[in-house]
């Protein structure tokens, strides 16, 4: 009788290796499928959260207070949770909006208004606080006068005094000082560059 011990042992070993390989394949494929599913879930979740965040942003733009959204919509007292949604929706914090509004109101009251990028400076009052026709200065023309004062040209003036400026400076010795002081203040706080420092 022929002895198949060696062959049987080899087949048993092959069967064991097949069984192990199947388990490994199953585990690897399940892991890959799970990772792919997690990625798909994250992507789809991100899409629906972004859509909801746009709705939140629209609501805030329409005037709904952020506190109402936190309390009535998100139903959370967690500041971190609110910050997550606020940042996703690119909603400015209320304190920033309030500060911006107050700054704009203060600028309007003072008669000194800067463009957001500081490219222009508008005066709507003279140094006595009296309303004048707005004078818009082009900050790209900023330079020192012979007397040492800062001087930008009014927009579209080609360096000449405009009628608005002549009217603003009439009987108002403080106008040029006010203009110079405001420009120097913004140079000092870094909002605009000192053109002499740039060229020097």
Protein backbone atom coordinates (compact mmCIF):
# COMPACT_ATOMS: atom_id res chain seq x y z
CA UNK A 1 0.00 0.00 0.00
CA UNK A 2 1.32 3.42 -0.99
CA UNK A 3 2.06 5.91 1.79
CA UNK A 4 0.62 9.38 1.10
CA UNK A 5 1.68 10.90 4.39
CA UNK A 6 3.96 13.50 2.78
CA UNK A 7 1.43 14.55 0.16
CA UNK A 8 -1.42 14.71 2.69
CA UNK A 9 0.71 16.83 5.02
CA UNK A 10 1.54 19.17 2.13
CA UNK A 11 -2.13 19.48 1.22
CA UNK A 12 -3.14 20.07 4.84
CA UNK A 13 -0.47 22.80 5.01
CA UNK A 14 -1.74 24.29 1.72
CA UNK A 15 -5.31 24.22 3.03
CA UNK A 16 -4.15 26.00 6.23
CA UNK A 17 -2.32 28.64 4.18
CA UNK A 18 -5.42 29.12 1.99
CA UNK A 19 -7.58 29.52 5.08
CA UNK A 20 -5.16 32.10 6.54
CA UNK A 21 -4.99 33.94 3.21
CA UNK A 22 -8.78 34.08 3.00
CA UNK A 23 -8.98 35.55 6.51
CA UNK A 24 -6.30 38.10 5.62
CA UNK A 25 -8.04 39.02 2.34
CA UNK A 26 -11.35 39.41 4.17
CA UNK A 27 -9.75 41.59 6.87
CA UNK A 28 -7.88 43.74 4.31
CA UNK A 29 -10.91 44.21 2.08
CA UNK A 30 -13.16 45.01 5.04
CA UNK A 31 -10.57 47.53 6.26
CA UNK A 32 -10.31 49.11 2.79
CA UNK A 33 -14.09 49.22 2.46
CA UNK A 34 -14.40 50.75 5.92
CA UNK A 35 -11.77 53.40 5.12
CA UNK A 36 -13.45 54.17 1.77
CA UNK A 37 -16.83 54.39 3.50
CA UNK A 38 -15.40 56.71 6.17
CA UNK A 39 -14.00 58.98 3.46
CA UNK A 40 -17.32 59.01 1.56
CA UNK A 41 -19.23 59.68 4.79
CA UNK A 42 -16.85 62.54 5.69
CA UNK A 43 -17.13 64.09 2.21
CA UNK A 44 -20.93 63.88 2.13
CA UNK A 45 -21.17 65.13 5.73
CA UNK A 46 -18.94 68.07 4.84
CA UNK A 47 -21.24 68.94 1.92
CA UNK A 48 -24.43 68.95 4.01
CA UNK A 49 -22.74 70.86 6.86
CA UNK A 50 -21.47 73.47 4.38
CA UNK A 51 -25.00 73.85 2.98
CA UNK A 52 -26.38 74.29 6.52
CA UNK A 53 -23.62 76.80 7.32
CA UNK A 54 -24.64 78.85 4.27
CA UNK A 55 -28.18 78.93 5.64
CA UNK A 56 -26.83 80.15 9.00
CA UNK A 57 -24.81 82.88 7.26
CA UNK A 58 -27.91 84.03 5.33
CA UNK A 59 -29.91 84.12 8.56
CA UNK A 60 -27.31 86.27 10.32
CA UNK A 61 -27.06 88.58 7.28
CA UNK A 62 -30.84 88.99 7.39
CA UNK A 63 -30.56 90.26 10.98
CA UNK A 64 -31.24 87.23 13.18
CA UNK A 65 -29.06 87.63 16.31
CA UNK A 66 -26.34 85.04 16.80
CA UNK A 67 -27.63 84.34 20.33
CA UNK A 68 -31.02 83.31 18.91
CA UNK A 69 -29.33 80.92 16.48
CA UNK A 70 -27.25 79.39 19.28
CA UNK A 71 -30.26 79.01 21.58
CA UNK A 72 -33.15 78.23 19.23
CA UNK A 73 -31.51 76.55 16.23
CA UNK A 74 -28.35 74.84 17.43
CA UNK A 75 -29.74 74.37 20.95
CA UNK A 76 -26.31 74.45 22.50
CA UNK A 77 -24.60 76.33 25.30
CA UNK A 78 -21.23 74.99 24.15
CA UNK A 79 -19.14 77.91 22.95
CA UNK A 80 -16.79 75.58 21.05
CA UNK A 81 -19.75 74.13 19.14
CA UNK A 82 -20.96 77.60 18.22
CA UNK A 83 -17.47 78.65 17.13
CA UNK A 84 -17.33 75.56 14.87
CA UNK A 85 -20.54 76.58 13.06
CA UNK A 86 -19.69 80.28 13.12
CA UNK A 87 -16.30 79.67 11.50
CA UNK A 88 -17.73 77.21 8.97
CA UNK A 89 -20.35 79.80 7.99
CA UNK A 90 -17.70 82.57 7.97
CA UNK A 91 -19.86 84.62 10.33
CA UNK A 92 -18.10 87.55 11.97
CA UNK A 93 -18.26 87.41 15.77
CA UNK A 94 -20.89 89.87 17.04
CA UNK A 95 -18.32 91.79 19.06
CA UNK A 96 -16.33 92.39 15.83
CA UNK A 97 -19.49 93.52 14.01
CA UNK A 98 -20.45 95.79 16.91
CA UNK A 99 -16.90 97.22 17.05
CA UNK A 100 -16.90 97.76 13.27
CA UNK A 101 -20.27 99.50 13.44
CA UNK A 102 -19.13 101.69 16.35
CA UNK A 103 -15.90 102.54 14.52
CA UNK A 104 -17.85 103.45 11.37
CA UNK A 105 -20.25 105.59 13.41
CA UNK A 106 -17.35 107.26 15.22
CA UNK A 107 -15.56 107.92 11.91
CA UNK A 108 -18.72 109.40 10.43
CA UNK A 109 -19.22 111.60 13.48
CA UNK A 110 -15.59 112.75 13.40
CA UNK A 111 -15.77 113.53 9.69
CA UNK A 112 -12.73 111.35 8.94
CA UNK A 113 -13.34 108.18 6.93
CA UNK A 114 -10.70 105.84 5.53
CA UNK A 115 -11.28 103.33 2.74
CA UNK A 116 -11.05 99.77 4.01
CA UNK A 117 -7.67 99.36 2.26
CA UNK A 118 -6.55 102.89 3.28
CA UNK A 119 -6.23 103.91 -0.39
CA UNK A 120 -8.33 107.02 0.19
CA UNK A 121 -9.09 109.37 3.07
CA UNK A 122 -12.36 111.33 3.08
CA UNK A 123 -13.02 114.44 5.14
CA UNK A 124 -16.65 115.46 5.67
CA UNK A 125 -15.98 118.03 8.42
CA UNK A 126 -13.48 120.81 8.92
CA UNK A 127 -11.33 121.22 12.04
CA UNK A 128 -14.17 123.04 13.82
CA UNK A 129 -16.46 120.02 13.28
CA UNK A 130 -18.61 121.81 10.71
CA UNK A 131 -19.96 119.76 7.80
CA UNK A 132 -18.23 120.36 4.48
CA UNK A 133 -18.66 118.90 1.03
CA UNK A 134 -16.71 115.62 1.11
CA UNK A 135 -13.08 115.82 0.05
CA UNK A 136 -11.55 112.47 -0.98
CA UNK A 137 -7.76 112.25 -0.87
CA UNK A 138 -5.76 109.79 -2.98
CA UNK A 139 -3.17 108.27 -0.64
CA UNK A 140 -1.00 107.06 -3.53
CA UNK A 141 -0.02 110.74 -4.00
CA UNK A 142 1.05 111.24 -0.36
CA UNK A 143 4.13 113.44 0.10
CA UNK A 144 5.54 116.14 2.39
CA UNK A 145 5.01 119.82 1.63
CA UNK A 146 7.78 122.40 1.85
CA UNK A 147 6.48 123.21 5.35
CA UNK A 148 6.84 119.56 6.38
CA UNK A 149 3.14 118.66 6.45
CA UNK A 150 1.71 115.49 4.88
CA UNK A 151 -0.18 116.24 1.69
CA UNK A 152 -2.12 113.84 -0.58
CA UNK A 153 -3.85 115.15 -3.69
CA UNK A 154 -7.65 115.13 -3.78
CA UNK A 155 -8.95 112.44 -6.14
CA UNK A 156 -8.90 113.69 -9.73
CA UNK A 157 -7.35 117.06 -8.85
CA UNK A 158 -3.92 116.71 -10.53
CA UNK A 159 -2.37 118.34 -7.47
CA UNK A 160 -4.48 121.53 -7.55
CA UNK A 161 -6.74 122.63 -4.72
CA UNK A 162 -10.33 121.70 -5.34
CA UNK A 163 -13.21 124.09 -4.74
CA UNK A 164 -14.23 121.87 -1.82
CA UNK A 165 -10.77 122.25 -0.26
CA UNK A 166 -10.68 126.00 -0.71
CA UNK A 167 -14.07 126.20 0.92
CA UNK A 168 -13.01 123.88 3.77
CA UNK A 169 -9.82 125.86 4.45
CA UNK A 170 -11.41 129.28 4.26
CA UNK A 171 -11.06 130.86 7.73
CA UNK A 172 -9.92 127.46 9.07
CA UNK A 173 -6.25 127.45 10.02
CA UNK A 174 -6.61 124.03 11.63
CA UNK A 175 -7.65 122.10 8.50
CA UNK A 176 -4.14 121.38 7.23
CA UNK A 177 -3.02 120.45 10.76
CA UNK A 178 -6.00 118.10 11.05
CA UNK A 179 -5.13 116.45 7.72
CA UNK A 180 -1.46 116.11 8.66
CA UNK A 181 -2.25 114.72 12.13
CA UNK A 182 -4.70 112.09 10.80
CA UNK A 183 -2.20 110.85 8.21
CA UNK A 184 0.63 110.76 10.77
CA UNK A 185 -1.62 108.82 13.17
CA UNK A 186 -2.18 106.13 10.52
CA UNK A 187 1.52 106.00 9.64
CA UNK A 188 2.34 105.57 13.33
CA UNK A 189 -0.17 102.72 13.81
CA UNK A 190 1.08 100.96 10.65
CA UNK A 191 -2.14 101.30 8.65
CA UNK A 192 -0.31 103.16 5.86
CA UNK A 193 3.35 103.29 4.88
CA UNK A 194 5.54 106.34 5.22
CA UNK A 195 6.43 107.10 1.57
CA UNK A 196 9.67 108.78 2.67
CA UNK A 197 10.73 105.61 4.50
CA UNK A 198 9.88 103.59 1.38
CA UNK A 199 11.98 105.85 -0.83
CA UNK A 200 14.73 106.43 1.71
